[in-house]
Amino acid sequence: MLQLMLAMFVATAVPAAIEVGAGPEPSPTPVAWELEFKYEHPQRIEIMLPGQATPTVYWYIVYTVTNPGQRTERFFPTFQLVTDDLAVVDTDMGILPVVFDAIKKRHRVTHPHLVNPTEAIGDLMAGDDHARESVAIWRADDLLVNSFTVYVAGLSGEIRFMPNPSYDPDQPATRMVTGPDDRQREETVNPEHFTLRKTLELTYELPGSTGARQAVQPVFKSRRWIMR
């Protein structure tokens, strides 16, 4: 919700001559802790899930994260895939263990220490000896788009605070909403500031016709750091 509000503000407030989305940029040199993130471009895998007659398509990114600093840092990554029509797909939502097992088997030679995404979270000690290998997984059956962008957050401690131009001091900052599990939780709807974090942005295209995109490999287009 916060990211959508910020995107709408940028799109309406930035002059047409400036590229939409050209908001605050990270510092050219690190100003906070930063992890080293090595990755392979998204790969496609088909998994025959229990009880299904046809395989389910997934995309995934295998990565290695290393802490080059002098002290232990908390590694809590978030991976989001955003399509060219602004649909947001989070990783590991409803992903069965059999999917990770198949990916681990495929990469057992190149990444013998691959761990489940939930096991990758936690304190990351400094040094190459403590590097961690894991994977981000998305279900791709419904992603028939021209392009998509992967955002990887949690790799840097650099943050920036940006005033919310739509903030209304006379309105409540939060509201209660009911989640898919029927539990109520508090949601921020009127923040005074947005918190932007240094985030890695990876952009890919899917060539070919709509019907064929489920079967093609994404084509890498660009990589950059942004504040998001």
C-alpha atoms as a PDB file:
ATOM      1  CA  MET A   1       0.000   0.000   0.000  1.00  0.00           C
ATOM      2  CA  LEU A   2       2.770   2.484   0.944  1.00  0.00           C
ATOM      3  CA  GLN A   3       4.756   1.698  -2.196  1.00  0.00           C
ATOM      4  CA  LEU A   4       1.677   2.128  -4.384  1.00  0.00           C
ATOM      5  CA  MET A   5       0.885   5.516  -2.779  1.00  0.00           C
ATOM      6  CA  LEU A   6       4.457   6.658  -3.329  1.00  0.00           C
ATOM      7  CA  ALA A   7       4.451   5.474  -6.945  1.00  0.00           C
ATOM      8  CA  MET A   8       1.211   7.382  -7.606  1.00  0.00           C
ATOM      9  CA  PHE A   9       2.709  10.536  -6.087  1.00  0.00           C
ATOM     10  CA  VAL A  10       5.867  10.296  -8.216  1.00  0.00           C
ATOM     11  CA  ALA A  11       3.850   9.676 -11.370  1.00  0.00           C
ATOM     12  CA  THR A  12       1.695  12.794 -10.830  1.00  0.00           C
ATOM     13  CA  ALA A  13       4.251  15.144  -9.274  1.00  0.00           C
ATOM     14  CA  VAL A  14       7.287  14.595 -11.529  1.00  0.00           C
ATOM     15  CA  PRO A  15       7.322  16.664 -14.768  1.00  0.00           C
ATOM     16  CA  ALA A  16       6.830  14.728 -17.992  1.00  0.00           C
ATOM     17  CA  ALA A  17      10.393  15.456 -19.105  1.00  0.00           C
ATOM     18  CA  ILE A  18      11.750  13.512 -16.113  1.00  0.00           C
ATOM     19  CA  GLU A  19      11.651   9.736 -16.080  1.00  0.00           C
ATOM     20  CA  VAL A  20       8.784   8.502 -13.940  1.00  0.00           C
ATOM     21  CA  GLY A  21      10.130   6.716 -10.894  1.00  0.00           C
ATOM     22  CA  ALA A  22      13.275   8.872 -10.708  1.00  0.00           C
ATOM     23  CA  GLY A  23      13.008   9.431  -6.967  1.00  0.00           C
ATOM     24  CA  PRO A  24      15.714   9.623  -4.301  1.00  0.00           C
ATOM     25  CA  GLU A  25      18.844   7.663  -5.192  1.00  0.00           C
ATOM     26  CA  PRO A  26      21.152   5.740  -2.865  1.00  0.00           C
ATOM     27  CA  SER A  27      24.412   7.286  -1.805  1.00  0.00           C
ATOM     28  CA  PRO A  28      27.147   6.693  -4.438  1.00  0.00           C
ATOM     29  CA  THR A  29      29.307   5.157  -1.701  1.00  0.00           C
ATOM     30  CA  PRO A  30      27.946   2.918   1.087  1.00  0.00           C
ATOM     31  CA  VAL A  31      26.851   4.874   4.171  1.00  0.00           C
ATOM     32  CA  ALA A  32      25.647   1.843   6.137  1.00  0.00           C
ATOM     33  CA  TRP A  33      26.285  -1.885   6.328  1.00  0.00           C
ATOM     34  CA  GLU A  34      25.870  -3.706   3.025  1.00  0.00           C
ATOM     35  CA  LEU A  35      25.885  -7.390   2.124  1.00  0.00           C
ATOM     36  CA  GLU A  36      27.452  -8.889  -0.972  1.00  0.00           C
ATOM     37  CA  PHE A  37      24.756 -10.506  -3.117  1.00  0.00           C
ATOM     38  CA  LYS A  38      25.672 -12.838  -5.977  1.00  0.00           C
ATOM     39  CA  TYR A  39      22.839 -14.364  -7.978  1.00  0.00           C
ATOM     40  CA  GLU A  40      21.898 -16.348 -11.047  1.00  0.00           C
ATOM     41  CA  HIS A  41      19.271 -14.939 -13.387  1.00  0.00           C
ATOM     42  CA  PRO A  42      15.749 -16.394 -13.028  1.00  0.00           C
ATOM     43  CA  GLN A  43      15.377 -19.968 -14.177  1.00  0.00           C
ATOM     44  CA  ARG A  44      12.282 -21.940 -15.018  1.00  0.00           C
ATOM     45  CA  ILE A  45      11.287 -25.267 -13.528  1.00  0.00           C
ATOM     46  CA  GLU A  46       8.200 -27.449 -13.899  1.00  0.00           C
ATOM     47  CA  ILE A  47       7.029 -29.456 -10.909  1.00  0.00           C
ATOM     48  CA  MET A  48       4.364 -32.147 -10.875  1.00  0.00           C
ATOM     49  CA  LEU A  49       2.591 -31.457  -7.605  1.00  0.00           C
ATOM     50  CA  PRO A  50       0.705 -34.200  -5.741  1.00  0.00           C
ATOM     51  CA  GLY A  51      -2.803 -34.694  -7.089  1.00  0.00           C
ATOM     52  CA  GLN A  52      -2.277 -32.648 -10.266  1.00  0.00           C
ATOM     53  CA  ALA A  53      -2.442 -33.914 -13.833  1.00  0.00           C
ATOM     54  CA  THR A  54      -0.203 -31.208 -15.345  1.00  0.00           C
ATOM     55  CA  PRO A  55       3.006 -29.641 -14.001  1.00  0.00           C
ATOM     56  CA  THR A  56       3.103 -26.235 -12.317  1.00  0.00           C
ATOM     57  CA  VAL A  57       5.613 -23.667 -13.597  1.00  0.00           C
ATOM     58  CA  TYR A  58       7.911 -21.787 -11.208  1.00  0.00           C
ATOM     59  CA  TRP A  59      10.679 -19.243 -11.621  1.00  0.00           C
ATOM     60  CA  TYR A  60      13.459 -19.017  -9.103  1.00  0.00           C
ATOM     61  CA  ILE A  61      16.689 -17.169  -8.377  1.00  0.00           C
ATOM     62  CA  VAL A  62      19.587 -18.960  -6.713  1.00  0.00           C
ATOM     63  CA  TYR A  63      21.776 -16.621  -4.698  1.00  0.00           C
ATOM     64  CA  THR A  64      24.756 -16.432  -2.361  1.00  0.00           C
ATOM     65  CA  VAL A  65      24.914 -13.720   0.291  1.00  0.00           C
ATOM     66  CA  THR A  66      28.104 -12.768   2.142  1.00  0.00           C
ATOM     67  CA  ASN A  67      28.747 -10.286   4.910  1.00  0.00           C
ATOM     68  CA  PRO A  68      31.972  -8.385   4.023  1.00  0.00           C
ATOM     69  CA  GLY A  69      31.785  -6.179   7.112  1.00  0.00           C
ATOM     70  CA  GLN A  70      33.380  -6.465  10.511  1.00  0.00           C
ATOM     71  CA  ARG A  71      30.324  -7.378  12.587  1.00  0.00           C
ATOM     72  CA  THR A  72      27.362  -9.731  12.383  1.00  0.00           C
ATOM     73  CA  GLU A  73      24.325  -8.340  10.543  1.00  0.00           C
ATOM     74  CA  ARG A  74      20.714  -9.497  10.492  1.00  0.00           C
ATOM     75  CA  PHE A  75      19.820 -11.016   7.092  1.00  0.00           C
ATOM     76  CA  PHE A  76      16.093 -10.730   6.489  1.00  0.00           C
ATOM     77  CA  PRO A  77      15.619 -10.477   2.709  1.00  0.00           C
ATOM     78  CA  THR A  78      12.410  -9.689   0.858  1.00  0.00           C
ATOM     79  CA  PHE A  79      11.991 -10.556  -2.809  1.00  0.00           C
ATOM     80  CA  GLN A  80       9.155  -9.070  -4.832  1.00  0.00           C
ATOM     81  CA  LEU A  81       8.365  -9.604  -8.493  1.00  0.00           C
ATOM     82  CA  VAL A  82       6.439  -6.711 -10.069  1.00  0.00           C
ATOM     83  CA  THR A  83       5.025  -7.180 -13.570  1.00  0.00           C
ATOM     84  CA  ASP A  84       4.713  -4.504 -16.243  1.00  0.00           C
ATOM     85  CA  ASP A  85       1.012  -4.204 -15.366  1.00  0.00           C
ATOM     86  CA  LEU A  86       1.956  -3.527 -11.701  1.00  0.00           C
ATOM     87  CA  ALA A  87       0.870  -6.894 -10.313  1.00  0.00           C
ATOM     88  CA  VAL A  88       2.971  -7.749  -7.243  1.00  0.00           C
ATOM     89  CA  VAL A  89       4.006 -11.358  -6.622  1.00  0.00           C
ATOM     90  CA  ASP A  90       5.709 -12.217  -3.335  1.00  0.00           C
ATOM     91  CA  THR A  91       8.064 -15.162  -3.031  1.00  0.00           C
ATOM     92  CA  ASP A  92       7.394 -18.395  -1.226  1.00  0.00           C
ATOM     93  CA  MET A  93       3.626 -17.857  -0.981  1.00  0.00           C
ATOM     94  CA  GLY A  94       2.094 -21.326  -0.897  1.00  0.00           C
ATOM     95  CA  ILE A  95       5.254 -22.960  -2.249  1.00  0.00           C
ATOM     96  CA  LEU A  96       5.371 -26.629  -1.280  1.00  0.00           C
ATOM     97  CA  PRO A  97       8.626 -28.185   0.033  1.00  0.00           C
ATOM     98  CA  VAL A  98       8.766 -30.468  -3.018  1.00  0.00           C
ATOM     99  CA  VAL A  99       9.529 -27.393  -5.174  1.00  0.00           C
ATOM    100  CA  PHE A 100      12.592 -26.427  -3.151  1.00  0.00           C
ATOM    101  CA  ASP A 101      13.712 -30.054  -3.060  1.00  0.00           C
ATOM    102  CA  ALA A 102      13.645 -30.195  -6.873  1.00  0.00           C
ATOM    103  CA  ILE A 103      15.635 -26.964  -7.172  1.00  0.00           C
ATOM    104  CA  LYS A 104      18.187 -28.149  -4.621  1.00  0.00           C
ATOM    105  CA  LYS A 105      18.632 -31.400  -6.538  1.00  0.00           C
ATOM    106  CA  ARG A 106      19.136 -29.519  -9.803  1.00  0.00           C
ATOM    107  CA  HIS A 107      21.900 -27.343  -8.276  1.00  0.00           C
ATOM    108  CA  ARG A 108      23.509 -29.911  -5.988  1.00  0.00           C
ATOM    109  CA  VAL A 109      26.854 -29.594  -7.816  1.00  0.00           C
ATOM    110  CA  THR A 110      27.097 -25.798  -8.170  1.00  0.00           C
ATOM    111  CA  HIS A 111      25.388 -24.935  -4.857  1.00  0.00           C
ATOM    112  CA  PRO A 112      25.857 -27.902  -2.508  1.00  0.00           C
ATOM    113  CA  HIS A 113      24.966 -25.863   0.578  1.00  0.00           C
ATOM    114  CA  LEU A 114      21.627 -24.548  -0.674  1.00  0.00           C
ATOM    115  CA  VAL A 115      19.191 -24.046   2.210  1.00  0.00           C
ATOM    116  CA  ASN A 116      15.438 -23.474   2.323  1.00  0.00           C
ATOM    117  CA  PRO A 117      14.487 -19.747   2.162  1.00  0.00           C
ATOM    118  CA  THR A 118      13.217 -19.823   5.740  1.00  0.00           C
ATOM    119  CA  GLU A 119      16.550 -21.212   6.932  1.00  0.00           C
ATOM    120  CA  ALA A 120      18.472 -18.415   5.191  1.00  0.00           C
ATOM    121  CA  ILE A 121      16.986 -15.799   7.523  1.00  0.00           C
ATOM    122  CA  GLY A 122      18.966 -14.853  10.597  1.00  0.00           C
ATOM    123  CA  ASP A 123      22.240 -13.441  11.842  1.00  0.00           C
ATOM    124  CA  LEU A 124      24.938 -13.486   9.177  1.00  0.00           C
ATOM    125  CA  MET A 125      28.469 -13.485  10.535  1.00  0.00           C
ATOM    126  CA  ALA A 126      31.255 -11.647   8.720  1.00  0.00           C
ATOM    127  CA  GLY A 127      33.532 -13.420   6.260  1.00  0.00           C
ATOM    128  CA  ASP A 128      33.385 -15.749   3.264  1.00  0.00           C
ATOM    129  CA  ASP A 129      33.294 -18.795   5.515  1.00  0.00           C
ATOM    130  CA  HIS A 130      29.807 -17.799   6.675  1.00  0.00           C
ATOM    131  CA  ALA A 131      28.308 -17.145   3.218  1.00  0.00           C
ATOM    132  CA  ARG A 132      24.763 -18.439   2.813  1.00  0.00           C
ATOM    133  CA  GLU A 133      23.201 -20.046  -0.282  1.00  0.00           C
ATOM    134  CA  SER A 134      19.465 -20.022  -0.825  1.00  0.00           C
ATOM    135  CA  VAL A 135      16.744 -19.387  -3.400  1.00  0.00           C
ATOM    136  CA  ALA A 136      13.768 -17.115  -4.077  1.00  0.00           C
ATOM    137  CA  ILE A 137      10.812 -18.863  -5.741  1.00  0.00           C
ATOM    138  CA  TRP A 138       7.748 -17.532  -7.579  1.00  0.00           C
ATOM    139  CA  ARG A 139       4.828 -19.422  -9.051  1.00  0.00           C
ATOM    140  CA  ALA A 140       4.765 -18.414 -12.733  1.00  0.00           C
ATOM    141  CA  ASP A 141       1.640 -20.053 -14.177  1.00  0.00           C
ATOM    142  CA  ASP A 142      -0.282 -16.784 -14.341  1.00  0.00           C
ATOM    143  CA  LEU A 143       2.566 -14.448 -15.313  1.00  0.00           C
ATOM    144  CA  LEU A 144       2.016 -13.904 -19.030  1.00  0.00           C
ATOM    145  CA  VAL A 145       3.497 -10.411 -19.209  1.00  0.00           C
ATOM    146  CA  ASN A 146       6.038  -8.636 -21.425  1.00  0.00           C
ATOM    147  CA  SER A 147       8.446  -7.784 -18.638  1.00  0.00           C
ATOM    148  CA  PHE A 148       8.912  -7.855 -14.898  1.00  0.00           C
ATOM    149  CA  THR A 149      11.198  -6.446 -12.231  1.00  0.00           C
ATOM    150  CA  VAL A 150      12.612  -8.217  -9.188  1.00  0.00           C
ATOM    151  CA  TYR A 151      13.238  -6.127  -6.076  1.00  0.00           C
ATOM    152  CA  VAL A 152      15.611  -7.474  -3.430  1.00  0.00           C
ATOM    153  CA  ALA A 153      15.524  -5.647  -0.092  1.00  0.00           C
ATOM    154  CA  GLY A 154      17.368  -6.402   3.129  1.00  0.00           C
ATOM    155  CA  LEU A 155      20.866  -6.166   1.654  1.00  0.00           C
ATOM    156  CA  SER A 156      21.734  -2.729   3.039  1.00  0.00           C
ATOM    157  CA  GLY A 157      21.157  -0.642   6.136  1.00  0.00           C
ATOM    158  CA  GLU A 158      20.797   2.595   4.150  1.00  0.00           C
ATOM    159  CA  ILE A 159      17.373   4.219   4.626  1.00  0.00           C
ATOM    160  CA  ARG A 160      15.783   7.531   3.710  1.00  0.00           C
ATOM    161  CA  PHE A 161      12.664   9.244   5.062  1.00  0.00           C
ATOM    162  CA  MET A 162      10.368  10.999   2.584  1.00  0.00           C
ATOM    163  CA  PRO A 163       7.388  13.161   3.601  1.00  0.00           C
ATOM    164  CA  ASN A 164       4.023  11.858   2.465  1.00  0.00           C
ATOM    165  CA  PRO A 165       2.425  14.621   0.333  1.00  0.00           C
ATOM    166  CA  SER A 166      -1.017  13.111   0.966  1.00  0.00           C
ATOM    167  CA  TYR A 167      -0.690  13.008   4.742  1.00  0.00           C
ATOM    168  CA  ASP A 168      -3.811  14.296   6.523  1.00  0.00           C
ATOM    169  CA  PRO A 169      -3.230  15.096  10.223  1.00  0.00           C
ATOM    170  CA  ASP A 170      -6.982  15.031  10.793  1.00  0.00           C
ATOM    171  CA  GLN A 171      -7.288  11.393   9.668  1.00  0.00           C
ATOM    172  CA  PRO A 172      -6.228   8.243  11.582  1.00  0.00           C
ATOM    173  CA  ALA A 173      -2.846   6.793  10.661  1.00  0.00           C
ATOM    174  CA  THR A 174      -4.000   3.154  10.781  1.00  0.00           C
ATOM    175  CA  ARG A 175      -7.060   0.973  10.389  1.00  0.00           C
ATOM    176  CA  MET A 176      -7.955  -2.602  11.263  1.00  0.00           C
ATOM    177  CA  VAL A 177      -8.281  -5.074   8.379  1.00  0.00           C
ATOM    178  CA  THR A 178      -9.142  -8.762   8.225  1.00  0.00           C
ATOM    179  CA  GLY A 179      -6.525 -11.001   6.658  1.00  0.00           C
ATOM    180  CA  PRO A 180      -7.009 -14.216   4.643  1.00  0.00           C
ATOM    181  CA  ASP A 181      -6.744 -16.191   7.878  1.00  0.00           C
ATOM    182  CA  ASP A 182      -9.702 -14.193   9.295  1.00  0.00           C
ATOM    183  CA  ARG A 183      -7.418 -12.525  11.815  1.00  0.00           C
ATOM    184  CA  GLN A 184      -7.507  -8.782  12.250  1.00  0.00           C
ATOM    185  CA  ARG A 185      -4.347  -6.734  11.939  1.00  0.00           C
ATOM    186  CA  GLU A 186      -3.458  -3.062  11.898  1.00  0.00           C
ATOM    187  CA  GLU A 187      -2.657  -1.498   8.521  1.00  0.00           C
ATOM    188  CA  THR A 188      -1.037   1.899   7.965  1.00  0.00           C
ATOM    189  CA  VAL A 189      -3.174   4.022   5.638  1.00  0.00           C
ATOM    190  CA  ASN A 190      -2.118   7.604   6.423  1.00  0.00           C
ATOM    191  CA  PRO A 191       1.641   7.697   7.150  1.00  0.00           C
ATOM    192  CA  GLU A 192       3.345  10.989   7.854  1.00  0.00           C
ATOM    193  CA  HIS A 193       6.531   9.752   6.169  1.00  0.00           C
ATOM    194  CA  PHE A 194       7.572   6.966   3.833  1.00  0.00           C
ATOM    195  CA  THR A 195      10.614   4.894   4.786  1.00  0.00           C
ATOM    196  CA  LEU A 196      12.704   4.111   1.713  1.00  0.00           C
ATOM    197  CA  ARG A 197      15.363   1.394   1.824  1.00  0.00           C
ATOM    198  CA  LYS A 198      18.264   0.752  -0.494  1.00  0.00           C
ATOM    199  CA  THR A 199      16.992  -2.017  -2.765  1.00  0.00           C
ATOM    200  CA  LEU A 200      18.451  -3.987  -5.655  1.00  0.00           C
ATOM    201  CA  GLU A 201      16.370  -3.736  -8.842  1.00  0.00           C
ATOM    202  CA  LEU A 202      16.681  -6.419 -11.567  1.00  0.00           C
ATOM    203  CA  THR A 203      14.689  -5.969 -14.785  1.00  0.00           C
ATOM    204  CA  TYR A 204      13.825  -8.737 -17.255  1.00  0.00           C
ATOM    205  CA  GLU A 205      11.831  -9.182 -20.445  1.00  0.00           C
ATOM    206  CA  LEU A 206       9.836 -12.166 -21.663  1.00  0.00           C
ATOM    207  CA  PRO A 207      10.119 -12.472 -25.452  1.00  0.00           C
ATOM    208  CA  GLY A 208       7.599 -14.039 -27.796  1.00  0.00           C
ATOM    209  CA  SER A 209       3.830 -14.250 -27.914  1.00  0.00           C
ATOM    210  CA  THR A 210       1.607 -14.279 -24.848  1.00  0.00           C
ATOM    211  CA  GLY A 211       0.922 -17.971 -25.172  1.00  0.00           C
ATOM    212  CA  ALA A 212       4.622 -18.837 -25.320  1.00  0.00           C
ATOM    213  CA  ARG A 213       5.876 -16.694 -22.450  1.00  0.00           C
ATOM    214  CA  GLN A 214       5.224 -19.320 -19.834  1.00  0.00           C
ATOM    215  CA  ALA A 215       7.788 -21.539 -21.535  1.00  0.00           C
ATOM    216  CA  VAL A 216      10.593 -19.026 -22.205  1.00  0.00           C
ATOM    217  CA  GLN A 217      13.512 -17.952 -20.077  1.00  0.00           C
ATOM    218  CA  PRO A 218      13.516 -14.310 -18.903  1.00  0.00           C
ATOM    219  CA  VAL A 219      16.011 -12.047 -20.699  1.00  0.00           C
ATOM    220  CA  PHE A 220      18.117  -9.790 -18.439  1.00  0.00           C
ATOM    221  CA  LYS A 221      17.858  -6.052 -19.184  1.00  0.00           C
ATOM    222  CA  SER A 222      19.253  -4.004 -16.301  1.00  0.00           C
ATOM    223  CA  ARG A 223      20.530  -3.928 -12.716  1.00  0.00           C
ATOM    224  CA  ARG A 224      20.697  -0.954 -10.364  1.00  0.00           C
ATOM    225  CA  TRP A 225      20.335   0.165  -6.755  1.00  0.00           C
ATOM    226  CA  ILE A 226      17.309   2.314  -5.894  1.00  0.00           C
ATOM    227  CA  MET A 227      15.566   3.698  -2.822  1.00  0.00           C
ATOM    228  CA  ARG A 228      12.211   1.957  -2.499  1.00  0.00           C
END
